[in-house]
Amino acid sequence: MFLGLEREWSKKAAGIRTFALISLLGAILTIIDEASLFLVGGFLIIAMSILLAVQSLLEEEEEDTGLSLTTSVSMFIAYGSAFS
């Protein structure tokens, strides 16, 4: 949630709710302990990262243009942290 909180303060696309839900998804899939669901969840995170990247490309704000690689990486960290 701290990743999302920082992004809320920076007024970025994915915020505290997004990162809390991603972490919750990872925790639920850890409890279920099904490898195929882990892959499905990973694909969902990839799809969300791609959609956020496309959204940032389509926005016409001068400050925040271009792909946001840190968003994608931090989503994977939030998702994967439940599995360790």
PDB file of N, CA and C in Angstrom:
ATOM      1  N   MET A   1       0.812  -1.191   0.000  1.00  0.00           N
ATOM      2  CA  MET A   1       0.000   0.000   0.000  1.00  0.00           C
ATOM      3  C   MET A   1       0.858   1.258   0.000  1.00  0.00           C
ATOM      4  N   PHE A   2       2.089   1.151   0.526  1.00  0.00           N
ATOM      5  CA  PHE A   2       2.950   2.325   0.553  1.00  0.00           C
ATOM      6  C   PHE A   2       3.354   2.752  -0.852  1.00  0.00           C
ATOM      7  N   LEU A   3       3.511   1.778  -1.751  1.00  0.00           N
ATOM      8  CA  LEU A   3       3.788   2.122  -3.156  1.00  0.00           C
ATOM      9  C   LEU A   3       2.653   2.959  -3.723  1.00  0.00           C
ATOM     10  N   GLY A   4       1.432   2.524  -3.482  1.00  0.00           N
ATOM     11  CA  GLY A   4       0.270   3.261  -3.975  1.00  0.00           C
ATOM     12  C   GLY A   4       0.107   4.607  -3.312  1.00  0.00           C
ATOM     13  N   LEU A   5       0.426   4.684  -2.029  1.00  0.00           N
ATOM     14  CA  LEU A   5       0.318   5.961  -1.316  1.00  0.00           C
ATOM     15  C   LEU A   5       1.275   6.989  -1.902  1.00  0.00           C
ATOM     16  N   GLU A   6       2.485   6.570  -2.200  1.00  0.00           N
ATOM     17  CA  GLU A   6       3.459   7.482  -2.811  1.00  0.00           C
ATOM     18  C   GLU A   6       2.974   7.938  -4.182  1.00  0.00           C
ATOM     19  N   ARG A   7       2.369   7.029  -4.937  1.00  0.00           N
ATOM     20  CA  ARG A   7       1.881   7.376  -6.265  1.00  0.00           C
ATOM     21  C   ARG A   7       0.682   8.312  -6.180  1.00  0.00           C
ATOM     22  N   GLU A   8      -0.143   8.170  -5.145  1.00  0.00           N
ATOM     23  CA  GLU A   8      -1.259   9.098  -4.937  1.00  0.00           C
ATOM     24  C   GLU A   8      -0.728  10.505  -4.699  1.00  0.00           C
ATOM     25  N   TRP A   9       0.315  10.611  -3.881  1.00  0.00           N
ATOM     26  CA  TRP A   9       0.900  11.922  -3.599  1.00  0.00           C
ATOM     27  C   TRP A   9       1.499  12.536  -4.852  1.00  0.00           C
ATOM     28  N   SER A  10       2.039  11.676  -5.739  1.00  0.00           N
ATOM     29  CA  SER A  10       2.643  12.170  -6.984  1.00  0.00           C
ATOM     30  C   SER A  10       1.626  12.382  -8.088  1.00  0.00           C
ATOM     31  N   LYS A  11       0.351  12.067  -7.807  1.00  0.00           N
ATOM     32  CA  LYS A  11      -0.742  12.207  -8.766  1.00  0.00           C
ATOM     33  C   LYS A  11      -0.507  11.382 -10.030  1.00  0.00           C
ATOM     34  N   LYS A  12      -0.103  10.120  -9.839  1.00  0.00           N
ATOM     35  CA  LYS A  12       0.111   9.199 -10.952  1.00  0.00           C
ATOM     36  C   LYS A  12      -1.130   8.346 -11.149  1.00  0.00           C
ATOM     37  N   ALA A  13      -1.163   7.591 -12.250  1.00  0.00           N
ATOM     38  CA  ALA A  13      -2.369   6.859 -12.642  1.00  0.00           C
ATOM     39  C   ALA A  13      -2.768   5.778 -11.643  1.00  0.00           C
ATOM     40  N   ALA A  14      -1.883   4.904 -11.266  1.00  0.00           N
ATOM     41  CA  ALA A  14      -2.199   3.821 -10.329  1.00  0.00           C
ATOM     42  C   ALA A  14      -1.877   4.291  -8.923  1.00  0.00           C
ATOM     43  N   GLY A  15      -2.869   4.191  -8.048  1.00  0.00           N
ATOM     44  CA  GLY A  15      -2.675   4.703  -6.704  1.00  0.00           C
ATOM     45  C   GLY A  15      -2.834   3.645  -5.635  1.00  0.00           C
ATOM     46  N   ILE A  16      -3.251   4.081  -4.474  1.00  0.00           N
ATOM     47  CA  ILE A  16      -3.297   3.210  -3.305  1.00  0.00           C
ATOM     48  C   ILE A  16      -4.299   2.073  -3.479  1.00  0.00           C
ATOM     49  N   ARG A  17      -5.444   2.344  -4.087  1.00  0.00           N
ATOM     50  CA  ARG A  17      -6.433   1.277  -4.271  1.00  0.00           C
ATOM     51  C   ARG A  17      -5.928   0.220  -5.233  1.00  0.00           C
ATOM     52  N   THR A  18      -5.289   0.646  -6.310  1.00  0.00           N
ATOM     53  CA  THR A  18      -4.777  -0.297  -7.302  1.00  0.00           C
ATOM     54  C   THR A  18      -3.741  -1.214  -6.682  1.00  0.00           C
ATOM     55  N   PHE A  19      -2.791  -0.652  -5.962  1.00  0.00           N
ATOM     56  CA  PHE A  19      -1.725  -1.464  -5.378  1.00  0.00           C
ATOM     57  C   PHE A  19      -2.231  -2.322  -4.224  1.00  0.00           C
ATOM     58  N   ALA A  20      -3.225  -1.851  -3.486  1.00  0.00           N
ATOM     59  CA  ALA A  20      -3.811  -2.678  -2.436  1.00  0.00           C
ATOM     60  C   ALA A  20      -4.525  -3.886  -3.045  1.00  0.00           C
ATOM     61  N   LEU A  21      -5.238  -3.673  -4.149  1.00  0.00           N
ATOM     62  CA  LEU A  21      -5.931  -4.780  -4.808  1.00  0.00           C
ATOM     63  C   LEU A  21      -4.949  -5.773  -5.432  1.00  0.00           C
ATOM     64  N   ILE A  22      -3.860  -5.276  -5.987  1.00  0.00           N
ATOM     65  CA  ILE A  22      -2.849  -6.169  -6.557  1.00  0.00           C
ATOM     66  C   ILE A  22      -2.229  -7.032  -5.462  1.00  0.00           C
ATOM     67  N   SER A  23      -1.917  -6.438  -4.331  1.00  0.00           N
ATOM     68  CA  SER A  23      -1.352  -7.202  -3.214  1.00  0.00           C
ATOM     69  C   SER A  23      -2.361  -8.203  -2.665  1.00  0.00           C
ATOM     70  N   LEU A  24      -3.627  -7.800  -2.599  1.00  0.00           N
ATOM     71  CA  LEU A  24      -4.676  -8.702  -2.138  1.00  0.00           C
ATOM     72  C   LEU A  24      -4.823  -9.886  -3.089  1.00  0.00           C
ATOM     73  N   LEU A  25      -4.760  -9.640  -4.391  1.00  0.00           N
ATOM     74  CA  LEU A  25      -4.825 -10.719  -5.373  1.00  0.00           C
ATOM     75  C   LEU A  25      -3.679 -11.705  -5.165  1.00  0.00           C
ATOM     76  N   GLY A  26      -2.481 -11.189  -4.967  1.00  0.00           N
ATOM     77  CA  GLY A  26      -1.337 -12.067  -4.717  1.00  0.00           C
ATOM     78  C   GLY A  26      -1.497 -12.881  -3.451  1.00  0.00           C
ATOM     79  N   ALA A  27      -2.041 -12.264  -2.395  1.00  0.00           N
ATOM     80  CA  ALA A  27      -2.242 -12.980  -1.135  1.00  0.00           C
ATOM     81  C   ALA A  27      -3.299 -14.065  -1.274  1.00  0.00           C
ATOM     82  N   ILE A  28      -4.386 -13.774  -1.974  1.00  0.00           N
ATOM     83  CA  ILE A  28      -5.440 -14.773  -2.173  1.00  0.00           C
ATOM     84  C   ILE A  28      -4.912 -15.953  -2.980  1.00  0.00           C
ATOM     85  N   LEU A  29      -4.158 -15.669  -4.032  1.00  0.00           N
ATOM     86  CA  LEU A  29      -3.625 -16.755  -4.849  1.00  0.00           C
ATOM     87  C   LEU A  29      -2.575 -17.567  -4.093  1.00  0.00           C
ATOM     88  N   THR A  30      -1.907 -16.962  -3.121  1.00  0.00           N
ATOM     89  CA  THR A  30      -0.977 -17.706  -2.284  1.00  0.00           C
ATOM     90  C   THR A  30      -1.736 -18.675  -1.385  1.00  0.00           C
ATOM     91  N   ILE A  31      -2.848 -18.237  -0.836  1.00  0.00           N
ATOM     92  CA  ILE A  31      -3.653 -19.087   0.031  1.00  0.00           C
ATOM     93  C   ILE A  31      -4.242 -20.253  -0.771  1.00  0.00           C
ATOM     94  N   ILE A  32      -4.719 -19.975  -1.976  1.00  0.00           N
ATOM     95  CA  ILE A  32      -5.303 -21.025  -2.811  1.00  0.00           C
ATOM     96  C   ILE A  32      -4.239 -22.015  -3.264  1.00  0.00           C
ATOM     97  N   ASP A  33      -3.028 -21.537  -3.498  1.00  0.00           N
ATOM     98  CA  ASP A  33      -1.876 -22.366  -3.854  1.00  0.00           C
ATOM     99  C   ASP A  33      -2.101 -23.175  -5.134  1.00  0.00           C
ATOM    100  N   GLU A  34      -2.496 -22.486  -6.184  1.00  0.00           N
ATOM    101  CA  GLU A  34      -2.710 -23.107  -7.493  1.00  0.00           C
ATOM    102  C   GLU A  34      -1.807 -22.406  -8.507  1.00  0.00           C
ATOM    103  N   ALA A  35      -0.908 -23.159  -9.130  1.00  0.00           N
ATOM    104  CA  ALA A  35       0.077 -22.568 -10.037  1.00  0.00           C
ATOM    105  C   ALA A  35      -0.573 -21.929 -11.250  1.00  0.00           C
ATOM    106  N   SER A  36      -1.650 -22.524 -11.769  1.00  0.00           N
ATOM    107  CA  SER A  36      -2.291 -21.960 -12.953  1.00  0.00           C
ATOM    108  C   SER A  36      -2.934 -20.609 -12.630  1.00  0.00           C
ATOM    109  N   LEU A  37      -3.469 -20.460 -11.413  1.00  0.00           N
ATOM    110  CA  LEU A  37      -4.039 -19.174 -11.020  1.00  0.00           C
ATOM    111  C   LEU A  37      -2.955 -18.118 -10.864  1.00  0.00           C
ATOM    112  N   PHE A  38      -1.784 -18.529 -10.418  1.00  0.00           N
ATOM    113  CA  PHE A  38      -0.656 -17.604 -10.314  1.00  0.00           C
ATOM    114  C   PHE A  38      -0.320 -17.034 -11.690  1.00  0.00           C
ATOM    115  N   LEU A  39      -0.303 -17.883 -12.704  1.00  0.00           N
ATOM    116  CA  LEU A  39      -0.017 -17.421 -14.067  1.00  0.00           C
ATOM    117  C   LEU A  39      -1.107 -16.505 -14.580  1.00  0.00           C
ATOM    118  N   VAL A  40      -2.368 -16.838 -14.312  1.00  0.00           N
ATOM    119  CA  VAL A  40      -3.480 -15.985 -14.740  1.00  0.00           C
ATOM    120  C   VAL A  40      -3.362 -14.617 -14.081  1.00  0.00           C
ATOM    121  N   GLY A  41      -3.064 -14.599 -12.792  1.00  0.00           N
ATOM    122  CA  GLY A  41      -2.875 -13.326 -12.090  1.00  0.00           C
ATOM    123  C   GLY A  41      -1.723 -12.531 -12.674  1.00  0.00           C
ATOM    124  N   GLY A  42      -0.630 -13.211 -13.033  1.00  0.00           N
ATOM    125  CA  GLY A  42       0.503 -12.528 -13.657  1.00  0.00           C
ATOM    126  C   GLY A  42       0.122 -11.904 -14.990  1.00  0.00           C
ATOM    127  N   PHE A  43      -0.671 -12.631 -15.773  1.00  0.00           N
ATOM    128  CA  PHE A  43      -1.141 -12.075 -17.045  1.00  0.00           C
ATOM    129  C   PHE A  43      -2.067 -10.882 -16.831  1.00  0.00           C
ATOM    130  N   LEU A  44      -2.867 -10.919 -15.780  1.00  0.00           N
ATOM    131  CA  LEU A  44      -3.722  -9.769 -15.467  1.00  0.00           C
ATOM    132  C   LEU A  44      -2.883  -8.541 -15.110  1.00  0.00           C
ATOM    133  N   ILE A  45      -1.806  -8.749 -14.366  1.00  0.00           N
ATOM    134  CA  ILE A  45      -0.918  -7.641 -14.001  1.00  0.00           C
ATOM    135  C   ILE A  45      -0.240  -7.082 -15.251  1.00  0.00           C
ATOM    136  N   ILE A  46       0.175  -7.970 -16.161  1.00  0.00           N
ATOM    137  CA  ILE A  46       0.781  -7.521 -17.416  1.00  0.00           C
ATOM    138  C   ILE A  46      -0.214  -6.710 -18.220  1.00  0.00           C
ATOM    139  N   ALA A  47      -1.463  -7.190 -18.316  1.00  0.00           N
ATOM    140  CA  ALA A  47      -2.493  -6.465 -19.069  1.00  0.00           C
ATOM    141  C   ALA A  47      -2.757  -5.096 -18.454  1.00  0.00           C
ATOM    142  N   MET A  48      -2.815  -5.028 -17.130  1.00  0.00           N
ATOM    143  CA  MET A  48      -3.040  -3.739 -16.476  1.00  0.00           C
ATOM    144  C   MET A  48      -1.878  -2.787 -16.723  1.00  0.00           C
ATOM    145  N   SER A  49      -0.665  -3.313 -16.702  1.00  0.00           N
ATOM    146  CA  SER A  49       0.507  -2.472 -16.969  1.00  0.00           C
ATOM    147  C   SER A  49       0.480  -1.923 -18.388  1.00  0.00           C
ATOM    148  N   ILE A  50       0.095  -2.763 -19.332  1.00  0.00           N
ATOM    149  CA  ILE A  50       0.020  -2.317 -20.733  1.00  0.00           C
ATOM    150  C   ILE A  50      -1.057  -1.248 -20.892  1.00  0.00           C
ATOM    151  N   LEU A  51      -2.220  -1.452 -20.264  1.00  0.00           N
ATOM    152  CA  LEU A  51      -3.290  -0.456 -20.362  1.00  0.00           C
ATOM    153  C   LEU A  51      -2.882   0.878 -19.754  1.00  0.00           C
ATOM    154  N   LEU A  52      -2.188   0.845 -18.626  1.00  0.00           N
ATOM    155  CA  LEU A  52      -1.714   2.098 -18.025  1.00  0.00           C
ATOM    156  C   LEU A  52      -0.663   2.781 -18.897  1.00  0.00           C
ATOM    157  N   ALA A  53       0.179   1.984 -19.562  1.00  0.00           N
ATOM    158  CA  ALA A  53       1.188   2.563 -20.453  1.00  0.00           C
ATOM    159  C   ALA A  53       0.523   3.216 -21.651  1.00  0.00           C
ATOM    160  N   VAL A  54      -0.487   2.574 -22.209  1.00  0.00           N
ATOM    161  CA  VAL A  54      -1.212   3.155 -23.345  1.00  0.00           C
ATOM    162  C   VAL A  54      -1.932   4.424 -22.910  1.00  0.00           C
ATOM    163  N   GLN A  55      -2.528   4.396 -21.726  1.00  0.00           N
ATOM    164  CA  GLN A  55      -3.213   5.577 -21.217  1.00  0.00           C
ATOM    165  C   GLN A  55      -2.239   6.744 -21.060  1.00  0.00           C
ATOM    166  N   SER A  56      -1.039   6.476 -20.562  1.00  0.00           N
ATOM    167  CA  SER A  56      -0.069   7.556 -20.381  1.00  0.00           C
ATOM    168  C   SER A  56       0.423   8.090 -21.715  1.00  0.00           C
ATOM    169  N   LEU A  57       0.449   7.237 -22.753  1.00  0.00           N
ATOM    170  CA  LEU A  57       0.832   7.709 -24.081  1.00  0.00           C
ATOM    171  C   LEU A  57      -0.246   8.580 -24.698  1.00  0.00           C
ATOM    172  N   LEU A  58      -1.510   8.279 -24.418  1.00  0.00           N
ATOM    173  CA  LEU A  58      -2.610   9.025 -25.005  1.00  0.00           C
ATOM    174  C   LEU A  58      -2.874  10.356 -24.310  1.00  0.00           C
ATOM    175  N   GLU A  59      -2.446  10.466 -23.059  1.00  0.00           N
ATOM    176  CA  GLU A  59      -2.639  11.732 -22.344  1.00  0.00           C
ATOM    177  C   GLU A  59      -1.772  12.813 -22.966  1.00  0.00           C
ATOM    178  N   GLU A  60      -2.273  14.004 -22.957  1.00  0.00           N
ATOM    179  CA  GLU A  60      -1.546  15.101 -23.588  1.00  0.00           C
ATOM    180  C   GLU A  60      -0.878  16.018 -22.584  1.00  0.00           C
ATOM    181  N   GLU A  61      -0.687  15.540 -21.370  1.00  0.00           N
ATOM    182  CA  GLU A  61       0.005  16.348 -20.373  1.00  0.00           C
ATOM    183  C   GLU A  61       1.486  16.382 -20.694  1.00  0.00           C
ATOM    184  N   GLU A  62       2.082  17.540 -20.569  1.00  0.00           N
ATOM    185  CA  GLU A  62       3.493  17.693 -20.898  1.00  0.00           C
ATOM    186  C   GLU A  62       4.395  17.082 -19.828  1.00  0.00           C
ATOM    187  N   GLU A  63       3.927  17.018 -18.585  1.00  0.00           N
ATOM    188  CA  GLU A  63       4.762  16.523 -17.494  1.00  0.00           C
ATOM    189  C   GLU A  63       4.945  15.015 -17.543  1.00  0.00           C
ATOM    190  N   ASP A  64       3.888  14.271 -17.817  1.00  0.00           N
ATOM    191  CA  ASP A  64       3.918  12.824 -17.608  1.00  0.00           C
ATOM    192  C   ASP A  64       3.633  12.083 -18.908  1.00  0.00           C
ATOM    193  N   THR A  65       4.490  12.231 -19.898  1.00  0.00           N
ATOM    194  CA  THR A  65       4.303  11.522 -21.146  1.00  0.00           C
ATOM    195  C   THR A  65       5.304  10.382 -21.239  1.00  0.00           C
ATOM    196  N   GLY A  66       4.979   9.396 -22.031  1.00  0.00           N
ATOM    197  CA  GLY A  66       5.873   8.266 -22.212  1.00  0.00           C
ATOM    198  C   GLY A  66       5.491   7.092 -21.344  1.00  0.00           C
ATOM    199  N   LEU A  67       6.145   5.977 -21.584  1.00  0.00           N
ATOM    200  CA  LEU A  67       5.871   4.766 -20.826  1.00  0.00           C
ATOM    201  C   LEU A  67       6.388   4.897 -19.404  1.00  0.00           C
ATOM    202  N   SER A  68       5.629   4.361 -18.493  1.00  0.00           N
ATOM    203  CA  SER A  68       6.016   4.398 -17.093  1.00  0.00           C
ATOM    204  C   SER A  68       6.469   3.005 -16.673  1.00  0.00           C
ATOM    205  N   LEU A  69       7.735   2.737 -16.829  1.00  0.00           N
ATOM    206  CA  LEU A  69       8.283   1.432 -16.499  1.00  0.00           C
ATOM    207  C   LEU A  69       8.238   1.175 -14.996  1.00  0.00           C
ATOM    208  N   THR A  70       8.385   2.218 -14.212  1.00  0.00           N
ATOM    209  CA  THR A  70       8.360   2.023 -12.762  1.00  0.00           C
ATOM    210  C   THR A  70       6.996   1.553 -12.282  1.00  0.00           C
ATOM    211  N   THR A  71       5.934   1.958 -12.947  1.00  0.00           N
ATOM    212  CA  THR A  71       4.598   1.487 -12.580  1.00  0.00           C
ATOM    213  C   THR A  71       4.499  -0.012 -12.780  1.00  0.00           C
ATOM    214  N   SER A  72       4.952  -0.491 -13.922  1.00  0.00           N
ATOM    215  CA  SER A  72       4.890  -1.925 -14.207  1.00  0.00           C
ATOM    216  C   SER A  72       5.735  -2.727 -13.228  1.00  0.00           C
ATOM    217  N   VAL A  73       6.921  -2.269 -12.967  1.00  0.00           N
ATOM    218  CA  VAL A  73       7.817  -2.979 -12.051  1.00  0.00           C
ATOM    219  C   VAL A  73       7.247  -2.986 -10.639  1.00  0.00           C
ATOM    220  N   SER A  74       6.720  -1.865 -10.199  1.00  0.00           N
ATOM    221  CA  SER A  74       6.175  -1.828  -8.839  1.00  0.00           C
ATOM    222  C   SER A  74       4.912  -2.674  -8.730  1.00  0.00           C
ATOM    223  N   MET A  75       4.141  -2.817  -9.815  1.00  0.00           N
ATOM    224  CA  MET A  75       2.988  -3.726  -9.796  1.00  0.00           C
ATOM    225  C   MET A  75       3.440  -5.169  -9.640  1.00  0.00           C
ATOM    226  N   PHE A  76       4.496  -5.552 -10.356  1.00  0.00           N
ATOM    227  CA  PHE A  76       5.018  -6.913 -10.222  1.00  0.00           C
ATOM    228  C   PHE A  76       5.570  -7.161  -8.824  1.00  0.00           C
ATOM    229  N   ILE A  77       6.199  -6.175  -8.223  1.00  0.00           N
ATOM    230  CA  ILE A  77       6.725  -6.311  -6.869  1.00  0.00           C
ATOM    231  C   ILE A  77       5.584  -6.473  -5.880  1.00  0.00           C
ATOM    232  N   ALA A  78       4.529  -5.663  -6.018  1.00  0.00           N
ATOM    233  CA  ALA A  78       3.382  -5.767  -5.115  1.00  0.00           C
ATOM    234  C   ALA A  78       2.693  -7.120  -5.273  1.00  0.00           C
ATOM    235  N   TYR A  79       2.601  -7.615  -6.498  1.00  0.00           N
ATOM    236  CA  TYR A  79       1.965  -8.907  -6.751  1.00  0.00           C
ATOM    237  C   TYR A  79       2.829 -10.053  -6.237  1.00  0.00           C
ATOM    238  N   GLY A  80       4.100  -9.994  -6.521  1.00  0.00           N
ATOM    239  CA  GLY A  80       4.997 -11.098  -6.158  1.00  0.00           C
ATOM    240  C   GLY A  80       5.400 -11.118  -4.703  1.00  0.00           C
ATOM    241  N   SER A  81       5.224 -10.021  -3.982  1.00  0.00           N
ATOM    242  CA  SER A  81       5.648  -9.996  -2.589  1.00  0.00           C
ATOM    243  C   SER A  81       4.835 -10.939  -1.721  1.00  0.00           C
ATOM    244  N   ALA A  82       3.643 -11.278  -2.137  1.00  0.00           N
ATOM    245  CA  ALA A  82       2.805 -12.193  -1.355  1.00  0.00           C
ATOM    246  C   ALA A  82       3.305 -13.640  -1.467  1.00  0.00           C
ATOM    247  N   PHE A  83       4.098 -13.932  -2.502  1.00  0.00           N
ATOM    248  CA  PHE A  83       4.541 -15.297  -2.735  1.00  0.00           C
ATOM    249  C   PHE A  83       5.847 -15.647  -2.033  1.00  0.00           C
ATOM    250  N   SER A  84       6.467 -14.689  -1.392  1.00  0.00           N
ATOM    251  CA  SER A  84       7.752 -14.993  -0.750  1.00  0.00           C
ATOM    252  C   SER A  84       7.581 -15.457   0.669  1.00  0.00           C
TER     253      SER A  84
END
